[in-house]
C-alpha atoms as a PDB file:
ATOM      1  CA  LEU A   1     -19.096 -27.234  29.123  1.00  0.00           C
ATOM      2  CA  PHE A   2     -20.142 -30.909  28.095  1.00  0.00           C
ATOM      3  CA  TRP A   3     -23.739 -32.307  28.416  1.00  0.00           C
ATOM      4  CA  THR A   4     -26.173 -34.649  26.822  1.00  0.00           C
ATOM      5  CA  VAL A   5     -30.103 -34.522  26.804  1.00  0.00           C
ATOM      6  CA  ASP A   6     -32.533 -37.145  25.507  1.00  0.00           C
ATOM      7  CA  ARG A   7     -35.748 -36.449  23.529  1.00  0.00           C
ATOM      8  CA  ARG A   8     -37.484 -35.197  26.616  1.00  0.00           C
ATOM      9  CA  ILE A   9     -34.713 -32.615  26.801  1.00  0.00           C
ATOM     10  CA  ALA A  10     -33.825 -34.146  30.256  1.00  0.00           C
ATOM     11  CA  LEU A  11     -30.172 -34.091  31.175  1.00  0.00           C
ATOM     12  CA  THR A  12     -28.590 -37.481  31.009  1.00  0.00           C
ATOM     13  CA  SER A  13     -25.022 -36.304  31.664  1.00  0.00           C
ATOM     14  CA  PHE A  14     -22.814 -33.166  32.171  1.00  0.00           C
ATOM     15  CA  ASN A  15     -19.511 -32.117  33.531  1.00  0.00           C
ATOM     16  CA  GLN A  16     -18.588 -29.712  36.242  1.00  0.00           C
ATOM     17  CA  GLY A  17     -18.260 -26.818  33.829  1.00  0.00           C
ATOM     18  CA  TYR A  18     -21.945 -27.190  32.719  1.00  0.00           C
ATOM     19  CA  SER A  19     -22.990 -27.392  36.364  1.00  0.00           C
ATOM     20  CA  ASP A  20     -21.043 -24.299  37.277  1.00  0.00           C
ATOM     21  CA  MET A  21     -22.544 -22.240  34.440  1.00  0.00           C
ATOM     22  CA  VAL A  22     -26.035 -23.246  35.216  1.00  0.00           C
ATOM     23  CA  LYS A  23     -25.577 -22.239  38.768  1.00  0.00           C
ATOM     24  CA  ARG A  24     -23.992 -18.926  37.758  1.00  0.00           C
ATOM     25  CA  LEU A  25     -26.759 -18.176  35.321  1.00  0.00           C
ATOM     26  CA  HIS A  26     -29.745 -19.503  36.986  1.00  0.00           C
ATOM     27  CA  GLY A  27     -28.833 -20.054  40.704  1.00  0.00           C
ATOM     28  CA  SER A  28     -29.829 -23.615  40.370  1.00  0.00           C
ATOM     29  CA  VAL A  29     -27.927 -26.985  40.251  1.00  0.00           C
ATOM     30  CA  PRO A  30     -28.782 -29.306  37.412  1.00  0.00           C
ATOM     31  CA  HIS A  31     -29.629 -32.970  37.904  1.00  0.00           C
ATOM     32  CA  ILE A  32     -29.258 -35.971  35.759  1.00  0.00           C
ATOM     33  CA  ASN A  33     -32.577 -37.543  34.943  1.00  0.00           C
ATOM     34  CA  THR A  34     -32.445 -40.895  33.018  1.00  0.00           C
ATOM     35  CA  ASP A  35     -35.940 -42.098  34.094  1.00  0.00           C
ATOM     36  CA  PRO A  36     -38.016 -41.813  30.965  1.00  0.00           C
ATOM     37  CA  LYS A  37     -41.242 -41.460  33.016  1.00  0.00           C
ATOM     38  CA  THR A  38     -39.766 -38.473  34.870  1.00  0.00           C
ATOM     39  CA  PRO A  39     -40.258 -35.086  33.268  1.00  0.00           C
ATOM     40  CA  ARG A  40     -37.242 -32.843  32.869  1.00  0.00           C
ATOM     41  CA  ASP A  41     -36.219 -30.211  35.438  1.00  0.00           C
ATOM     42  CA  LEU A  42     -36.883 -26.442  34.434  1.00  0.00           C
ATOM     43  CA  PHE A  43     -34.009 -24.539  36.079  1.00  0.00           C
ATOM     44  CA  ALA A  44     -34.719 -21.302  34.173  1.00  0.00           C
ATOM     45  CA  ALA A  45     -37.553 -19.161  33.003  1.00  0.00           C
ATOM     46  CA  GLU A  46     -39.916 -20.808  30.517  1.00  0.00           C
ATOM     47  CA  GLU A  47     -39.117 -18.832  27.639  1.00  0.00           C
ATOM     48  CA  TYR A  48     -35.449 -19.652  27.968  1.00  0.00           C
ATOM     49  CA  HIS A  49     -36.272 -23.341  27.874  1.00  0.00           C
ATOM     50  CA  ASP A  50     -38.544 -22.775  24.883  1.00  0.00           C
ATOM     51  CA  PHE A  51     -35.598 -21.198  23.168  1.00  0.00           C
ATOM     52  CA  TRP A  52     -33.336 -24.333  23.871  1.00  0.00           C
ATOM     53  CA  LYS A  53     -36.103 -26.501  22.738  1.00  0.00           C
ATOM     54  CA  SER A  54     -36.167 -24.991  19.354  1.00  0.00           C
ATOM     55  CA  LYS A  55     -32.482 -25.639  19.062  1.00  0.00           C
ATOM     56  CA  TYR A  56     -32.818 -29.221  20.343  1.00  0.00           C
ATOM     57  CA  ASP A  57     -35.587 -29.909  17.795  1.00  0.00           C
ATOM     58  CA  GLU A  58     -33.164 -29.160  14.941  1.00  0.00           C
ATOM     59  CA  VAL A  59     -30.634 -31.554  16.521  1.00  0.00           C
ATOM     60  CA  PHE A  60     -33.205 -34.381  16.903  1.00  0.00           C
ATOM     61  CA  ALA A  61     -34.028 -33.784  13.270  1.00  0.00           C
ATOM     62  CA  GLY A  62     -30.380 -34.744  12.430  1.00  0.00           C
ATOM     63  CA  LYS A  63     -28.795 -31.276  12.226  1.00  0.00           C
ATOM     64  CA  THR A  64     -25.557 -30.002  13.848  1.00  0.00           C
ATOM     65  CA  VAL A  65     -26.360 -26.464  15.320  1.00  0.00           C
ATOM     66  CA  ARG A  66     -24.068 -23.733  16.285  1.00  0.00           C
ATOM     67  CA  PHE A  67     -25.338 -20.480  18.184  1.00  0.00           C
ATOM     68  CA  GLU A  68     -24.389 -18.185  21.014  1.00  0.00           C
ATOM     69  CA  THR A  69     -26.279 -17.048  24.164  1.00  0.00           C
ATOM     70  CA  ASP A  70     -25.964 -13.592  25.803  1.00  0.00           C
ATOM     71  CA  ARG A  71     -27.337 -13.348  29.228  1.00  0.00           C
ATOM     72  CA  MET A  72     -26.801 -11.764  32.576  1.00  0.00           C
ATOM     73  CA  ASP A  73     -25.729 -13.959  35.467  1.00  0.00           C
ATOM     74  CA  GLN A  74     -27.065 -13.873  39.068  1.00  0.00           C
ATOM     75  CA  SER A  75     -24.700 -10.932  39.895  1.00  0.00           C
ATOM     76  CA  GLY A  76     -25.750  -8.960  36.867  1.00  0.00           C
ATOM     77  CA  GLU A  77     -22.687  -9.611  34.838  1.00  0.00           C
ATOM     78  CA  ARG A  78     -22.871 -10.336  31.141  1.00  0.00           C
ATOM     79  CA  VAL A  79     -22.202 -13.935  30.099  1.00  0.00           C
ATOM     80  CA  CYS A  80     -21.775 -15.028  26.473  1.00  0.00           C
ATOM     81  CA  ASN A  81     -21.434 -18.698  25.565  1.00  0.00           C
ATOM     82  CA  GLU A  82     -20.613 -20.216  22.205  1.00  0.00           C
ATOM     83  CA  ILE A  83     -22.684 -23.475  21.832  1.00  0.00           C
ATOM     84  CA  TYR A  84     -22.531 -26.459  19.565  1.00  0.00           C
ATOM     85  CA  LEU A  85     -25.226 -29.157  19.558  1.00  0.00           C
ATOM     86  CA  SER A  86     -24.743 -32.337  17.662  1.00  0.00           C
ATOM     87  CA  PRO A  87     -27.093 -35.454  17.210  1.00  0.00           C
ATOM     88  CA  VAL A  88     -26.127 -38.810  18.943  1.00  0.00           C
ATOM     89  CA  MET A  89     -27.406 -41.817  16.938  1.00  0.00           C
ATOM     90  CA  ASP A  90     -27.979 -45.471  17.634  1.00  0.00           C
ATOM     91  CA  ARG A  91     -26.939 -48.332  15.505  1.00  0.00           C
ATOM     92  CA  ASP A  92     -29.945 -47.840  13.350  1.00  0.00           C
ATOM     93  CA  GLY A  93     -29.256 -44.119  12.630  1.00  0.00           C
ATOM     94  CA  ASN A  94     -32.053 -42.892  15.011  1.00  0.00           C
ATOM     95  CA  VAL A  95     -31.135 -39.810  16.901  1.00  0.00           C
ATOM     96  CA  VAL A  96     -31.438 -40.653  20.641  1.00  0.00           C
ATOM     97  CA  GLU A  97     -29.617 -37.962  22.332  1.00  0.00           C
ATOM     98  CA  ALA A  98     -28.206 -34.483  21.722  1.00  0.00           C
ATOM     99  CA  PHE A  99     -24.713 -33.696  22.736  1.00  0.00           C
ATOM    100  CA  GLY A 100     -23.751 -30.260  23.780  1.00  0.00           C
ATOM    101  CA  ILE A 101     -20.327 -28.308  23.944  1.00  0.00           C
ATOM    102  CA  GLY A 102     -20.047 -24.792  25.147  1.00  0.00           C
ATOM    103  CA  HIS A 103     -17.366 -22.405  26.146  1.00  0.00           C
ATOM    104  CA  GLU A 104     -17.543 -18.802  27.398  1.00  0.00           C
ATOM    105  CA  VAL A 105     -16.671 -15.970  24.933  1.00  0.00           C
ATOM    106  CA  THR A 106     -17.752 -13.066  27.003  1.00  0.00           C
ATOM    107  CA  ALA A 107     -14.244 -11.354  26.925  1.00  0.00           C
ATOM    108  CA  GLU A 108     -14.191 -11.653  23.180  1.00  0.00           C
ATOM    109  CA  ARG A 109     -17.761 -10.227  22.805  1.00  0.00           C
ATOM    110  CA  VAL A 110     -16.996  -7.347  25.065  1.00  0.00           C
ATOM    111  CA  ALA A 111     -13.887  -6.487  23.195  1.00  0.00           C
ATOM    112  CA  GLU A 112     -15.627  -6.717  19.929  1.00  0.00           C
ATOM    113  CA  ALA A 113     -18.378  -4.414  21.157  1.00  0.00           C
ATOM    114  CA  LYS A 114     -15.762  -1.948  22.311  1.00  0.00           C
ATOM    115  CA  VAL A 115     -14.089  -1.963  18.911  1.00  0.00           C
ATOM    116  CA  ARG A 116     -17.445  -1.429  17.060  1.00  0.00           C
ATOM    117  CA  GLU A 117     -18.230   1.486  19.398  1.00  0.00           C
ATOM    118  CA  GLN A 118     -14.803   3.101  18.638  1.00  0.00           C
ATOM    119  CA  SER A 119     -15.179   2.381  14.974  1.00  0.00           C
ATOM    120  CA  ALA A 120     -18.551   4.039  14.909  1.00  0.00           C
ATOM    121  CA  LYS A 121     -17.257   7.103  16.678  1.00  0.00           C
ATOM    122  CA  LEU A 122     -14.180   7.414  14.406  1.00  0.00           C
ATOM    123  CA  ASN A 123     -16.397   6.972  11.288  1.00  0.00           C
ATOM    124  CA  ALA A 124     -18.768   9.598  12.615  1.00  0.00           C
ATOM    125  CA  ILE A 125     -15.752  11.982  13.030  1.00  0.00           C
ATOM    126  CA  PHE A 126     -14.365  10.898   9.628  1.00  0.00           C
ATOM    127  CA  GLU A 127     -17.555  11.662   7.611  1.00  0.00           C
ATOM    128  CA  SER A 128     -18.863  14.607   9.488  1.00  0.00           C
ATOM    129  CA  SER A 129     -15.623  16.584   8.644  1.00  0.00           C
ATOM    130  CA  ALA A 130     -17.367  18.877   6.310  1.00  0.00           C
ATOM    131  CA  ASP A 131     -14.377  21.119   5.754  1.00  0.00           C
ATOM    132  CA  VAL A 132     -11.556  18.538   5.952  1.00  0.00           C
ATOM    133  CA  MET A 133     -10.395  15.951   3.252  1.00  0.00           C
ATOM    134  CA  ILE A 134      -9.179  12.961   4.918  1.00  0.00           C
ATOM    135  CA  TRP A 135      -7.516   9.865   3.023  1.00  0.00           C
ATOM    136  CA  GLY A 136      -4.998   7.204   3.654  1.00  0.00           C
ATOM    137  CA  LEU A 137      -2.157   5.944   1.419  1.00  0.00           C
ATOM    138  CA  ASP A 138      -0.092   2.748   1.399  1.00  0.00           C
ATOM    139  CA  ARG A 139       3.523   2.516   0.364  1.00  0.00           C
ATOM    140  CA  GLU A 140       2.430   2.194  -3.244  1.00  0.00           C
ATOM    141  CA  GLN A 141       0.699   5.529  -2.853  1.00  0.00           C
ATOM    142  CA  ARG A 142      -2.744   3.769  -3.358  1.00  0.00           C
ATOM    143  CA  ILE A 143      -5.701   5.228  -1.539  1.00  0.00           C
ATOM    144  CA  THR A 144      -6.654   3.006   1.315  1.00  0.00           C
ATOM    145  CA  THR A 145      -9.645   5.093   2.519  1.00  0.00           C
ATOM    146  CA  CYS A 146     -11.119   8.409   2.032  1.00  0.00           C
ATOM    147  CA  ASN A 147     -14.075  10.506   3.310  1.00  0.00           C
ATOM    148  CA  LYS A 148     -16.828  11.762   1.388  1.00  0.00           C
ATOM    149  CA  HIS A 149     -15.755  15.321   1.398  1.00  0.00           C
ATOM    150  CA  PHE A 150     -12.502  14.400  -0.319  1.00  0.00           C
ATOM    151  CA  GLN A 151     -14.378  12.594  -3.011  1.00  0.00           C
ATOM    152  CA  ARG A 152     -16.809  15.647  -3.374  1.00  0.00           C
ATOM    153  CA  VAL A 153     -14.121  18.169  -3.763  1.00  0.00           C
ATOM    154  CA  LEU A 154     -12.101  16.276  -6.255  1.00  0.00           C
ATOM    155  CA  LYS A 155     -15.131  15.435  -8.360  1.00  0.00           C
ATOM    156  CA  GLN A 156     -16.443  19.078  -8.120  1.00  0.00           C
ATOM    157  CA  HIS A 157     -13.233  20.989  -8.906  1.00  0.00           C
ATOM    158  CA  PHE A 158     -11.295  18.386 -10.850  1.00  0.00           C
ATOM    159  CA  GLY A 159     -13.756  16.048 -12.308  1.00  0.00           C
ATOM    160  CA  THR A 160     -11.859  13.063 -10.780  1.00  0.00           C
ATOM    161  CA  ASP A 161     -13.694  10.067  -9.235  1.00  0.00           C
ATOM    162  CA  ILE A 162     -11.889   8.945  -6.232  1.00  0.00           C
ATOM    163  CA  GLU A 163     -12.211   5.390  -4.684  1.00  0.00           C
ATOM    164  CA  ALA A 164     -10.097   2.965  -2.537  1.00  0.00           C
ATOM    165  CA  GLY A 165      -7.374   1.302  -4.423  1.00  0.00           C
ATOM    166  CA  MET A 166      -6.572   4.248  -6.811  1.00  0.00           C
ATOM    167  CA  ASP A 167      -3.075   5.603  -7.307  1.00  0.00           C
ATOM    168  CA  ILE A 168      -3.186   9.076  -5.793  1.00  0.00           C
ATOM    169  CA  ARG A 169      -0.633  10.117  -8.423  1.00  0.00           C
ATOM    170  CA  LYS A 170      -2.997   9.517 -11.263  1.00  0.00           C
ATOM    171  CA  ALA A 171      -5.842  11.264  -9.364  1.00  0.00           C
ATOM    172  CA  PHE A 172      -3.857  14.426  -9.234  1.00  0.00           C
ATOM    173  CA  GLN A 173      -2.040  13.987 -12.509  1.00  0.00           C
ATOM    174  CA  SER A 174      -3.918  16.594 -14.363  1.00  0.00           C
ATOM    175  CA  VAL A 175      -3.923  19.204 -11.656  1.00  0.00           C
ATOM    176  CA  LEU A 176      -0.329  19.124 -10.383  1.00  0.00           C
ATOM    177  CA  PRO A 177       2.881  20.082 -12.178  1.00  0.00           C
ATOM    178  CA  LEU A 178       5.385  17.387 -12.431  1.00  0.00           C
ATOM    179  CA  GLU A 179       7.670  19.086 -10.124  1.00  0.00           C
ATOM    180  CA  GLU A 180       4.956  19.264  -7.427  1.00  0.00           C
ATOM    181  CA  HIS A 181       4.241  15.479  -7.867  1.00  0.00           C
ATOM    182  CA  GLN A 182       7.912  14.736  -7.225  1.00  0.00           C
ATOM    183  CA  ASP A 183       7.891  16.953  -4.080  1.00  0.00           C
ATOM    184  CA  LEU A 184       4.754  15.129  -2.697  1.00  0.00           C
ATOM    185  CA  SER A 185       6.312  11.759  -3.405  1.00  0.00           C
ATOM    186  CA  LYS A 186       9.524  12.660  -1.441  1.00  0.00           C
ATOM    187  CA  LEU A 187       7.041  14.085   1.400  1.00  0.00           C
ATOM    188  CA  ALA A 188       5.341  10.660   1.582  1.00  0.00           C
ATOM    189  CA  GLU A 189       8.741   8.865   1.626  1.00  0.00           C
ATOM    190  CA  LYS A 190       9.659  10.900   4.644  1.00  0.00           C
ATOM    191  CA  VAL A 191       6.453  10.159   6.344  1.00  0.00           C
ATOM    192  CA  PHE A 192       6.733   6.657   5.825  1.00  0.00           C
ATOM    193  CA  ALA A 193      10.189   6.912   7.595  1.00  0.00           C
ATOM    194  CA  GLY A 194       8.399   8.226  10.636  1.00  0.00           C
ATOM    195  CA  THR A 195       8.162  11.968  10.206  1.00  0.00           C
ATOM    196  CA  ALA A 196       4.733  13.803  10.329  1.00  0.00           C
ATOM    197  CA  LEU A 197       4.927  16.795   7.949  1.00  0.00           C
ATOM    198  CA  HIS A 198       2.886  19.907   6.937  1.00  0.00           C
ATOM    199  CA  HIS A 199       2.718  20.958   3.291  1.00  0.00           C
ATOM    200  CA  GLU A 200       0.969  23.561   1.120  1.00  0.00           C
ATOM    201  CA  THR A 201       0.327  23.257  -2.575  1.00  0.00           C
ATOM    202  CA  GLN A 202      -1.674  24.901  -5.358  1.00  0.00           C
ATOM    203  CA  LEU A 203      -4.065  22.965  -7.614  1.00  0.00           C
ATOM    204  CA  ARG A 204      -5.592  23.927 -10.950  1.00  0.00           C
ATOM    205  CA  LYS A 205      -9.379  23.615 -11.081  1.00  0.00           C
ATOM    206  CA  ASN A 206     -11.204  22.745 -14.381  1.00  0.00           C
ATOM    207  CA  ASP A 207     -12.398  26.264 -14.735  1.00  0.00           C
ATOM    208  CA  GLY A 208      -8.898  27.425 -14.924  1.00  0.00           C
ATOM    209  CA  SER A 209      -8.703  28.925 -11.441  1.00  0.00           C
ATOM    210  CA  SER A 210      -6.631  27.682  -8.652  1.00  0.00           C
ATOM    211  CA  ILE A 211      -7.096  26.175  -5.149  1.00  0.00           C
ATOM    212  CA  TRP A 212      -4.740  26.158  -2.371  1.00  0.00           C
ATOM    213  CA  LEU A 213      -4.601  23.161   0.091  1.00  0.00           C
ATOM    214  CA  GLU A 214      -2.828  22.747   3.341  1.00  0.00           C
ATOM    215  CA  PHE A 215      -1.949  19.222   4.028  1.00  0.00           C
ATOM    216  CA  PHE A 216      -1.010  17.397   7.287  1.00  0.00           C
ATOM    217  CA  VAL A 217       0.400  14.001   6.672  1.00  0.00           C
ATOM    218  CA  SER A 218       1.196  11.603   9.580  1.00  0.00           C
ATOM    219  CA  PRO A 219       2.563   8.036   9.759  1.00  0.00           C
ATOM    220  CA  ILE A 220       0.309   5.260  10.899  1.00  0.00           C
ATOM    221  CA  LYS A 221       2.170   2.749  13.077  1.00  0.00           C
ATOM    222  CA  ALA A 222       0.891  -0.709  13.476  1.00  0.00           C
ATOM    223  CA  GLY A 223       2.894  -3.727  14.974  1.00  0.00           C
ATOM    224  CA  GLY A 224       5.981  -1.461  15.055  1.00  0.00           C
ATOM    225  CA  SER A 225       6.025  -0.729  11.312  1.00  0.00           C
ATOM    226  CA  ILE A 226       4.605   1.983   9.081  1.00  0.00           C
ATOM    227  CA  ASN A 227       2.603   0.678   6.102  1.00  0.00           C
ATOM    228  CA  GLU A 228       0.165   3.533   5.759  1.00  0.00           C
ATOM    229  CA  ILE A 229       0.073   7.240   6.214  1.00  0.00           C
ATOM    230  CA  SER A 230      -2.973   9.458   7.064  1.00  0.00           C
ATOM    231  CA  CYS A 231      -3.437  12.658   5.082  1.00  0.00           C
ATOM    232  CA  LEU A 232      -5.741  15.658   5.959  1.00  0.00           C
ATOM    233  CA  ALA A 233      -6.180  18.790   3.900  1.00  0.00           C
ATOM    234  CA  HIS A 234      -8.339  21.766   3.845  1.00  0.00           C
ATOM    235  CA  ASP A 235      -8.815  24.859   1.461  1.00  0.00           C
ATOM    236  CA  ILE A 236      -6.777  27.805   2.437  1.00  0.00           C
ATOM    237  CA  THR A 237      -7.255  29.779  -0.798  1.00  0.00           C
ATOM    238  CA  GLU A 238      -8.705  32.758   0.980  1.00  0.00           C
ATOM    239  CA  LYS A 239      -5.793  32.761   3.415  1.00  0.00           C
END
């Protein structure tokens, strides 16, 4: 979309893309108006033109403006446009017109909305798992993410503060024997090779008692490679 307006906010030029978008959104065809005595055409609701006037006011003050619009077209479909407005100056440096460039970004915004929705759902599951500890590990065995229950259990029973970026081996250093550390490292290597595994282990709590955990470790494939694994664990001490 390309167009220009003068200080009346009357259209002085536009291309076919702009014309098609105005018709799609408002059911009207825009018209060029270069007569300074003729008021501009209002092809949309007054509040919509007021919104645009606030943007044009910034441009005529010498600023370049970027913003997005999100509306429904005449058929009820969502339409998102990314807009750039720039001042056009005469030889004396006075802003005489505003030049607009726009392009449709509906597909991108719809996709982003779906990602946000899916992320919100996953996060709700992630954090509402009151009995399941969840965390992720990279190839260096650093924690990439973890839920609050995992942090709570390690703090309560082992006095360890867990956060993303921490080496998981250091986190369990005081509660696991060396042999079990080695077994878990080998288990991680197998999972990074593409095999989901199940494991049970016994941890020593600060009060001297023990807790048994059941682990489910799975590879996370992205772009054909495995650079992260997911770990789920729950308390099976009573079992």
